[in-house]
Amino acid sequence: MPIKQNFTITPMGSYPPEDVTFLLKDLSEVMEEQGTEDREEAIQSGVHYSEMLPIEYKPTSEYMKVYQKALVEYAQKMAVAIGVVTEGILAKKGRNLILVSLARAGTPVGILIKRYLSFAYNLDVPHYSVSIIRGKGIDEQAIRYIKENHPDRQIQFIDGWTGKGAISLELAKACQKMNDKFGYNLDDGLAVLADPGYCSEIYGTREDFLIPSACLNSTVSGLVSRTVHNKAYISDQDFHGAKYYRHLEEEDVSNEFIATIVKEFPRVEPDIQTHLEKIRLMHTAPNWSGEACVRKIQVDFSIDDINHIKPGVGETTRVLLRRVPWKILVKNRNDQRLKHIILLAKDRGVPIEEYPEMSYTCCGLIKSLKEKL
């Protein structure tokens, strides 16, 4: 068995502590953000994306209107999907479980699952949020902390949605590594709210729609930055790091978002059962069709780096907010689920191209600074 570690938990984020514990090192006072162009150039020259942070700006009033409209429009759909994915988790893991969400997109989903368990089953389960980084794996120190403090509970990993499945694959590799290294029996199954990439066994829906929490970055995720693994700030004994964005406290809608969805739980109970029956009848094992679609896009648009292709509404939103987009592909330009994508693309001067063969609603393509500037 591994030697017991001394872990320091620093309270972080704007969520109540009973909703989630972030297992992250607070880098708020020591790490500076970088502009989008500088960051993109560094990434494409070989610096790992997790070694830097983007600047997070105050959301514009126009974009907040899009978010609020999406929240009203999709609150019931979100609540149903939360109920469905929670029932899937319970069926597989039973009640002696612990929720481990992947920061940061998984965090609000994990909180909503925790709240649904309390609402529907009067069940209070621990919920942690930990870092996982493409190319570097999950935060081993965080998982060791969880295992040492909850040795008998079954871990269920949670994320917001799937794209091409990169995080699912990263999680599978990380769990295998830790199982071999520490003798754990981690289940690498990832429960997600939406699985348009067909990568997960447990999901609320496979529809590619706008999850409002994909819109606003930290201001709907507890004011916590994306996670960092930079050896200048993180030792082998530390959790992965993140910043708390105090300058955005007035814009924070994290708890309002949770409350809006939770309020729908009593209204959608019959719909949850209906959707559960549909999923049981129509469920297919993960076939990674999203990855096949991405491979085709890579060929059709002569894209060298597959990581420059970000499929699905959530990932496309993030490309427009955080990266340097080249163009946006849409299955149908008139799809009502794309209103905010079209608004953001227009604001940033990014061309939109119809690509009807796509299995996703839309896809964001990142600009190669070497070839397409």
Foldseek 3Di string as FASTA:
>chain_A
DDDDDDADFDAAFDDPVLLEGEQADACAPPADADAFVVLQVCVLVPDFSQAHFYDADADDPVLVVVLVVVLVVCLLVLLLLLLQLLVVCCVPFNQQAAEEEEPFQFRLSSSLNQLVCCVPPVHHHHYYYWYQGQPPATFPLVVSVVCVVRVPHAYAYEGAEDFLCRVLVRLVVRVVVCCVVPVDDHDSAYAYAEYCQLHHPRYSYPAQFDDSLLARACLQGRQKTHWHDHVVPDDSNGGTHIHRCPVCVVSRCNVVSSVSNSVCNVVCVVVSVVSNVVCVVVPDHRPSVSNVLLVVVCVVVVPDDSVQKTFGDSRLSCCLNRHAFAAKEALDPPPPRCVSVVVSCVVVVHYYHYDNVHSHRMMTGGDDPVPRD
